[in-house]
Amino acid sequence: MTFVVFLVVLDKLPSYYGRITRSRAARDAVLSVLVGALVTVTTLAATGADPDRIAGYFVEHAVPDAGGHNVVNVILVDFRGVDTMGEISVIAMAAVTVLTLIVMRERGETP
């Protein structure tokens, strides 16, 4: 749903925003670096507690709970199956969107 809303908003944006000045580009660059640093620090703080405990859980439970020896496949199919299905749905929706845009372009339509 978020992807569809994103495409609708993207369709309504103007194609030209005007002249970009150096000060505006510098401001945008500084803002981008700050947001990237914030995301990096947040990710490191959230995952830095004890990652071995999570990995150990999956290694210990792969064979008895799921019956598989390939831990990566067991995680993707058995432990995180719904999440994997959601990711596949997003990729399929993106593919359909790209196909629609290509067909519209061949007909001479604008989105």
C-alpha atoms as a PDB file:
ATOM      1  CA  MET A   1       0.000   0.000   0.000  1.00  0.00           C
ATOM      2  CA  THR A   2       2.868   2.358   0.803  1.00  0.00           C
ATOM      3  CA  PHE A   3       4.355   1.701  -2.619  1.00  0.00           C
ATOM      4  CA  VAL A   4       1.073   2.603  -4.336  1.00  0.00           C
ATOM      5  CA  VAL A   5       0.777   5.831  -2.331  1.00  0.00           C
ATOM      6  CA  PHE A   6       4.398   6.636  -3.202  1.00  0.00           C
ATOM      7  CA  LEU A   7       3.657   6.218  -6.916  1.00  0.00           C
ATOM      8  CA  VAL A   8       0.557   8.421  -6.710  1.00  0.00           C
ATOM      9  CA  VAL A   9       2.501  11.176  -4.938  1.00  0.00           C
ATOM     10  CA  LEU A  10       5.354  10.825  -7.420  1.00  0.00           C
ATOM     11  CA  ASP A  11       2.877  11.251 -10.263  1.00  0.00           C
ATOM     12  CA  LYS A  12       1.602  14.542  -8.797  1.00  0.00           C
ATOM     13  CA  LEU A  13       5.039  16.119  -8.298  1.00  0.00           C
ATOM     14  CA  PRO A  14       6.094  18.803 -10.759  1.00  0.00           C
ATOM     15  CA  SER A  15       8.744  17.809 -13.285  1.00  0.00           C
ATOM     16  CA  TYR A  16      10.838  20.958 -12.650  1.00  0.00           C
ATOM     17  CA  TYR A  17      11.534  22.671  -9.337  1.00  0.00           C
ATOM     18  CA  GLY A  18      13.467  25.671 -10.568  1.00  0.00           C
ATOM     19  CA  ARG A  19      17.105  26.582 -10.352  1.00  0.00           C
ATOM     20  CA  ILE A  20      19.196  24.820  -7.717  1.00  0.00           C
ATOM     21  CA  THR A  21      21.645  27.132  -5.974  1.00  0.00           C
ATOM     22  CA  ARG A  22      24.925  26.135  -4.318  1.00  0.00           C
ATOM     23  CA  SER A  23      23.595  26.979  -0.869  1.00  0.00           C
ATOM     24  CA  ARG A  24      20.553  24.788  -1.394  1.00  0.00           C
ATOM     25  CA  ALA A  25      22.701  21.899  -2.661  1.00  0.00           C
ATOM     26  CA  ALA A  26      25.072  22.289   0.313  1.00  0.00           C
ATOM     27  CA  ARG A  27      22.154  22.342   2.740  1.00  0.00           C
ATOM     28  CA  ASP A  28      20.702  19.204   1.174  1.00  0.00           C
ATOM     29  CA  ALA A  29      24.086  17.456   1.298  1.00  0.00           C
ATOM     30  CA  VAL A  30      24.592  18.288   4.993  1.00  0.00           C
ATOM     31  CA  LEU A  31      21.067  17.174   5.807  1.00  0.00           C
ATOM     32  CA  SER A  32      21.603  13.902   3.913  1.00  0.00           C
ATOM     33  CA  VAL A  33      24.831  13.170   5.790  1.00  0.00           C
ATOM     34  CA  LEU A  34      23.179  13.913   9.146  1.00  0.00           C
ATOM     35  CA  VAL A  35      20.213  11.647   8.417  1.00  0.00           C
ATOM     36  CA  GLY A  36      22.558   8.894   7.226  1.00  0.00           C
ATOM     37  CA  ALA A  37      24.654   9.217  10.392  1.00  0.00           C
ATOM     38  CA  LEU A  38      21.538   9.100  12.568  1.00  0.00           C
ATOM     39  CA  VAL A  39      20.293   5.942  10.846  1.00  0.00           C
ATOM     40  CA  THR A  40      23.734   4.332  11.152  1.00  0.00           C
ATOM     41  CA  VAL A  41      24.033   5.114  14.861  1.00  0.00           C
ATOM     42  CA  THR A  42      20.492   3.921  15.533  1.00  0.00           C
ATOM     43  CA  THR A  43      21.097   0.667  13.671  1.00  0.00           C
ATOM     44  CA  LEU A  44      24.359   0.022  15.496  1.00  0.00           C
ATOM     45  CA  ALA A  45      22.753   0.761  18.856  1.00  0.00           C
ATOM     46  CA  ALA A  46      19.805  -1.535  18.150  1.00  0.00           C
ATOM     47  CA  THR A  47      21.861  -4.474  16.896  1.00  0.00           C
ATOM     48  CA  GLY A  48      24.899  -4.119  19.108  1.00  0.00           C
ATOM     49  CA  ALA A  49      23.416  -5.671  22.265  1.00  0.00           C
ATOM     50  CA  ASP A  50      24.083  -9.371  21.721  1.00  0.00           C
ATOM     51  CA  PRO A  51      23.906 -10.566  18.115  1.00  0.00           C
ATOM     52  CA  ASP A  52      25.408 -13.975  18.971  1.00  0.00           C
ATOM     53  CA  ARG A  53      22.371 -14.829  21.073  1.00  0.00           C
ATOM     54  CA  ILE A  54      20.029 -14.416  18.101  1.00  0.00           C
ATOM     55  CA  ALA A  55      22.304 -16.338  15.725  1.00  0.00           C
ATOM     56  CA  GLY A  56      22.720 -19.093  18.301  1.00  0.00           C
ATOM     57  CA  TYR A  57      18.964 -19.485  18.631  1.00  0.00           C
ATOM     58  CA  PHE A  58      18.516 -20.102  14.910  1.00  0.00           C
ATOM     59  CA  VAL A  59      21.447 -22.524  14.733  1.00  0.00           C
ATOM     60  CA  GLU A  60      20.159 -24.511  17.731  1.00  0.00           C
ATOM     61  CA  HIS A  61      16.539 -24.690  16.551  1.00  0.00           C
ATOM     62  CA  ALA A  62      17.037 -25.217  12.794  1.00  0.00           C
ATOM     63  CA  VAL A  63      17.107 -29.024  12.885  1.00  0.00           C
ATOM     64  CA  PRO A  64      14.716 -29.861  15.762  1.00  0.00           C
ATOM     65  CA  ASP A  65      12.023 -27.253  14.982  1.00  0.00           C
ATOM     66  CA  ALA A  66      12.199 -27.066  11.180  1.00  0.00           C
ATOM     67  CA  GLY A  67      14.032 -30.235  10.172  1.00  0.00           C
ATOM     68  CA  GLY A  68      16.542 -28.472   7.954  1.00  0.00           C
ATOM     69  CA  HIS A  69      20.328 -28.384   8.008  1.00  0.00           C
ATOM     70  CA  ASN A  70      20.735 -25.269   5.850  1.00  0.00           C
ATOM     71  CA  VAL A  71      20.185 -22.550   8.451  1.00  0.00           C
ATOM     72  CA  VAL A  72      19.670 -19.746   5.922  1.00  0.00           C
ATOM     73  CA  ASN A  73      16.906 -21.620   4.096  1.00  0.00           C
ATOM     74  CA  VAL A  74      15.264 -22.591   7.384  1.00  0.00           C
ATOM     75  CA  ILE A  75      15.230 -18.959   8.523  1.00  0.00           C
ATOM     76  CA  LEU A  76      13.763 -17.710   5.217  1.00  0.00           C
ATOM     77  CA  VAL A  77      11.146 -20.423   4.788  1.00  0.00           C
ATOM     78  CA  ASP A  78      10.148 -21.598   8.269  1.00  0.00           C
ATOM     79  CA  PHE A  79      10.999 -18.905  10.807  1.00  0.00           C
ATOM     80  CA  ARG A  80      10.414 -15.848   8.595  1.00  0.00           C
ATOM     81  CA  GLY A  81       8.009 -17.240   5.992  1.00  0.00           C
ATOM     82  CA  VAL A  82       5.403 -14.473   6.224  1.00  0.00           C
ATOM     83  CA  ASP A  83       8.072 -11.780   5.969  1.00  0.00           C
ATOM     84  CA  THR A  84       9.568 -13.475   2.909  1.00  0.00           C
ATOM     85  CA  MET A  85       6.105 -13.680   1.335  1.00  0.00           C
ATOM     86  CA  GLY A  86       5.656  -9.931   1.924  1.00  0.00           C
ATOM     87  CA  GLU A  87       8.966  -9.177   0.232  1.00  0.00           C
ATOM     88  CA  ILE A  88       8.000 -11.311  -2.752  1.00  0.00           C
ATOM     89  CA  SER A  89       4.701  -9.401  -2.989  1.00  0.00           C
ATOM     90  CA  VAL A  90       6.518  -6.048  -3.037  1.00  0.00           C
ATOM     91  CA  ILE A  91       8.880  -7.238  -5.776  1.00  0.00           C
ATOM     92  CA  ALA A  92       5.925  -8.524  -7.825  1.00  0.00           C
ATOM     93  CA  MET A  93       4.082  -5.202  -7.409  1.00  0.00           C
ATOM     94  CA  ALA A  94       7.171  -3.286  -8.525  1.00  0.00           C
ATOM     95  CA  ALA A  95       7.493  -5.538 -11.575  1.00  0.00           C
ATOM     96  CA  VAL A  96       3.845  -4.983 -12.533  1.00  0.00           C
ATOM     97  CA  THR A  97       4.307  -1.222 -12.095  1.00  0.00           C
ATOM     98  CA  VAL A  98       7.379  -1.169 -14.328  1.00  0.00           C
ATOM     99  CA  LEU A  99       5.561  -3.244 -16.934  1.00  0.00           C
ATOM    100  CA  THR A 100       2.608  -0.831 -16.830  1.00  0.00           C
ATOM    101  CA  LEU A 101       4.893   2.180 -17.293  1.00  0.00           C
ATOM    102  CA  ILE A 102       6.632   0.513 -20.255  1.00  0.00           C
ATOM    103  CA  VAL A 103       3.297  -0.278 -21.940  1.00  0.00           C
ATOM    104  CA  MET A 104       2.066   3.286 -21.333  1.00  0.00           C
ATOM    105  CA  ARG A 105       5.247   4.702 -22.852  1.00  0.00           C
ATOM    106  CA  GLU A 106       4.872   2.522 -25.948  1.00  0.00           C
ATOM    107  CA  ARG A 107       1.307   3.825 -26.410  1.00  0.00           C
ATOM    108  CA  GLY A 108       2.479   7.416 -26.041  1.00  0.00           C
ATOM    109  CA  GLU A 109       0.595   8.001 -22.760  1.00  0.00           C
ATOM    110  CA  THR A 110       1.972   9.912 -19.802  1.00  0.00           C
ATOM    111  CA  PRO A 111       1.582   8.605 -16.245  1.00  0.00           C
END
